[in-house]
Amino acid sequence: MEQLVIHGGAGSLEGKTTEAQKMHDSLCKIWEETFEVLQKRSAEDAVRHAVRMLEDDPVYNAGTGSKLQADGQIRMSAALMDGTNNR
């Protein structure tokens, strides 16, 4: 049976009701679309789909919506590990 867990990052949303609702709505949409991918294709395809959606959504600090680093530079780091191939 397929299982899918996604998260939109860490941080406090206390007192940020509107932002929390936007994040919740977005995560629900991303989860639903990604679960459909997982039902039809590989787990790797589903992961790539979810990450792409998270990175493209301005609600999250990822991809095109990343925050500046402490030194004022913009950097992005990403990795996808495949345990079956040890890569």
C-alpha atoms as a PDB file:
ATOM      1  CA  MET A   1       0.000   0.000   0.000  1.00  0.00           C
ATOM      2  CA  GLU A   2       1.361   3.404  -0.969  1.00  0.00           C
ATOM      3  CA  GLN A   3       1.902   6.005   1.725  1.00  0.00           C
ATOM      4  CA  LEU A   4       2.710   9.651   1.220  1.00  0.00           C
ATOM      5  CA  VAL A   5       3.898  12.265   3.693  1.00  0.00           C
ATOM      6  CA  ILE A   6       4.763  15.831   2.730  1.00  0.00           C
ATOM      7  CA  HIS A   7       5.596  18.911   4.780  1.00  0.00           C
ATOM      8  CA  GLY A   8       6.009  22.562   4.005  1.00  0.00           C
ATOM      9  CA  GLY A   9       8.965  23.284   6.271  1.00  0.00           C
ATOM     10  CA  ALA A  10       9.468  24.364   9.843  1.00  0.00           C
ATOM     11  CA  GLY A  11       8.602  27.503  11.717  1.00  0.00           C
ATOM     12  CA  SER A  12       5.870  29.023  13.795  1.00  0.00           C
ATOM     13  CA  LEU A  13       2.568  30.057  12.266  1.00  0.00           C
ATOM     14  CA  GLU A  14       1.219  31.235  15.607  1.00  0.00           C
ATOM     15  CA  GLY A  15      -0.969  34.287  15.060  1.00  0.00           C
ATOM     16  CA  LYS A  16      -0.705  33.918  11.270  1.00  0.00           C
ATOM     17  CA  THR A  17      -4.128  32.470  10.535  1.00  0.00           C
ATOM     18  CA  THR A  18      -4.286  33.539   6.886  1.00  0.00           C
ATOM     19  CA  GLU A  19      -0.787  32.260   6.120  1.00  0.00           C
ATOM     20  CA  ALA A  20      -1.502  28.980   7.922  1.00  0.00           C
ATOM     21  CA  GLN A  21      -4.694  28.474   5.902  1.00  0.00           C
ATOM     22  CA  LYS A  22      -2.867  29.159   2.621  1.00  0.00           C
ATOM     23  CA  MET A  23      -0.201  26.630   3.570  1.00  0.00           C
ATOM     24  CA  HIS A  24      -2.794  24.049   4.603  1.00  0.00           C
ATOM     25  CA  ASP A  25      -4.751  24.479   1.364  1.00  0.00           C
ATOM     26  CA  SER A  26      -1.573  24.245  -0.691  1.00  0.00           C
ATOM     27  CA  LEU A  27      -0.346  21.122   1.103  1.00  0.00           C
ATOM     28  CA  CYS A  28      -3.720  19.440   0.558  1.00  0.00           C
ATOM     29  CA  LYS A  29      -3.588  20.196  -3.169  1.00  0.00           C
ATOM     30  CA  ILE A  30       0.025  19.055  -3.467  1.00  0.00           C
ATOM     31  CA  TRP A  31      -0.715  15.870  -1.514  1.00  0.00           C
ATOM     32  CA  GLU A  32      -3.743  15.007  -3.664  1.00  0.00           C
ATOM     33  CA  GLU A  33      -1.944  15.563  -6.971  1.00  0.00           C
ATOM     34  CA  THR A  34       1.178  13.754  -5.808  1.00  0.00           C
ATOM     35  CA  PHE A  35      -0.781  10.772  -4.511  1.00  0.00           C
ATOM     36  CA  GLU A  36      -2.342  10.422  -7.962  1.00  0.00           C
ATOM     37  CA  VAL A  37       1.148  10.382  -9.472  1.00  0.00           C
ATOM     38  CA  LEU A  38       2.224   7.771  -6.914  1.00  0.00           C
ATOM     39  CA  GLN A  39      -0.714   5.546  -7.859  1.00  0.00           C
ATOM     40  CA  LYS A  40       0.274   5.560 -11.543  1.00  0.00           C
ATOM     41  CA  ARG A  41       4.048   5.973 -11.615  1.00  0.00           C
ATOM     42  CA  SER A  42       7.176   5.407  -9.545  1.00  0.00           C
ATOM     43  CA  ALA A  43       7.888   6.760  -6.079  1.00  0.00           C
ATOM     44  CA  GLU A  44      10.724   8.811  -7.578  1.00  0.00           C
ATOM     45  CA  ASP A  45       8.325  10.408 -10.059  1.00  0.00           C
ATOM     46  CA  ALA A  46       5.983  11.253  -7.181  1.00  0.00           C
ATOM     47  CA  VAL A  47       8.799  12.811  -5.143  1.00  0.00           C
ATOM     48  CA  ARG A  48       9.923  14.911  -8.082  1.00  0.00           C
ATOM     49  CA  HIS A  49       6.330  16.036  -8.657  1.00  0.00           C
ATOM     50  CA  ALA A  50       5.830  17.044  -5.011  1.00  0.00           C
ATOM     51  CA  VAL A  51       9.135  18.910  -4.818  1.00  0.00           C
ATOM     52  CA  ARG A  52       8.403  20.760  -8.054  1.00  0.00           C
ATOM     53  CA  MET A  53       5.002  21.846  -6.728  1.00  0.00           C
ATOM     54  CA  LEU A  54       6.461  22.959  -3.380  1.00  0.00           C
ATOM     55  CA  GLU A  55       9.240  24.906  -5.112  1.00  0.00           C
ATOM     56  CA  ASP A  56       6.803  26.609  -7.486  1.00  0.00           C
ATOM     57  CA  ASP A  57       4.431  27.735  -4.722  1.00  0.00           C
ATOM     58  CA  PRO A  58       5.324  31.174  -3.296  1.00  0.00           C
ATOM     59  CA  VAL A  59       3.878  30.121   0.084  1.00  0.00           C
ATOM     60  CA  TYR A  60       7.077  28.153   0.755  1.00  0.00           C
ATOM     61  CA  ASN A  61      10.692  29.230   1.118  1.00  0.00           C
ATOM     62  CA  ALA A  62      11.909  26.901  -1.595  1.00  0.00           C
ATOM     63  CA  GLY A  63      12.814  27.018  -5.250  1.00  0.00           C
ATOM     64  CA  THR A  64      11.956  30.296  -6.924  1.00  0.00           C
ATOM     65  CA  GLY A  65      10.483  31.591  -3.660  1.00  0.00           C
ATOM     66  CA  SER A  66      13.567  30.995  -1.488  1.00  0.00           C
ATOM     67  CA  LYS A  67      14.585  33.430   1.215  1.00  0.00           C
ATOM     68  CA  LEU A  68      17.956  35.109   1.270  1.00  0.00           C
ATOM     69  CA  GLN A  69      20.665  33.444   3.355  1.00  0.00           C
ATOM     70  CA  ALA A  70      22.077  35.198   6.441  1.00  0.00           C
ATOM     71  CA  ASP A  71      24.912  36.632   4.326  1.00  0.00           C
ATOM     72  CA  GLY A  72      22.458  38.138   1.829  1.00  0.00           C
ATOM     73  CA  GLN A  73      23.173  35.566  -0.893  1.00  0.00           C
ATOM     74  CA  ILE A  74      20.563  33.392  -2.581  1.00  0.00           C
ATOM     75  CA  ARG A  75      21.475  29.716  -2.604  1.00  0.00           C
ATOM     76  CA  MET A  76      19.521  26.553  -3.233  1.00  0.00           C
ATOM     77  CA  SER A  77      20.590  23.056  -2.299  1.00  0.00           C
ATOM     78  CA  ALA A  78      18.659  19.976  -3.242  1.00  0.00           C
ATOM     79  CA  ALA A  79      19.229  16.242  -3.303  1.00  0.00           C
ATOM     80  CA  LEU A  80      17.266  13.127  -4.137  1.00  0.00           C
ATOM     81  CA  MET A  81      18.509   9.865  -2.659  1.00  0.00           C
ATOM     82  CA  ASP A  82      17.581   6.462  -4.088  1.00  0.00           C
ATOM     83  CA  GLY A  83      18.292   3.688  -1.596  1.00  0.00           C
ATOM     84  CA  THR A  84      17.755   0.925  -4.139  1.00  0.00           C
ATOM     85  CA  ASN A  85      20.715   2.217  -6.154  1.00  0.00           C
ATOM     86  CA  ASN A  86      22.670   3.702  -3.223  1.00  0.00           C
ATOM     87  CA  ARG A  87      22.816   6.985  -5.127  1.00  0.00           C
END
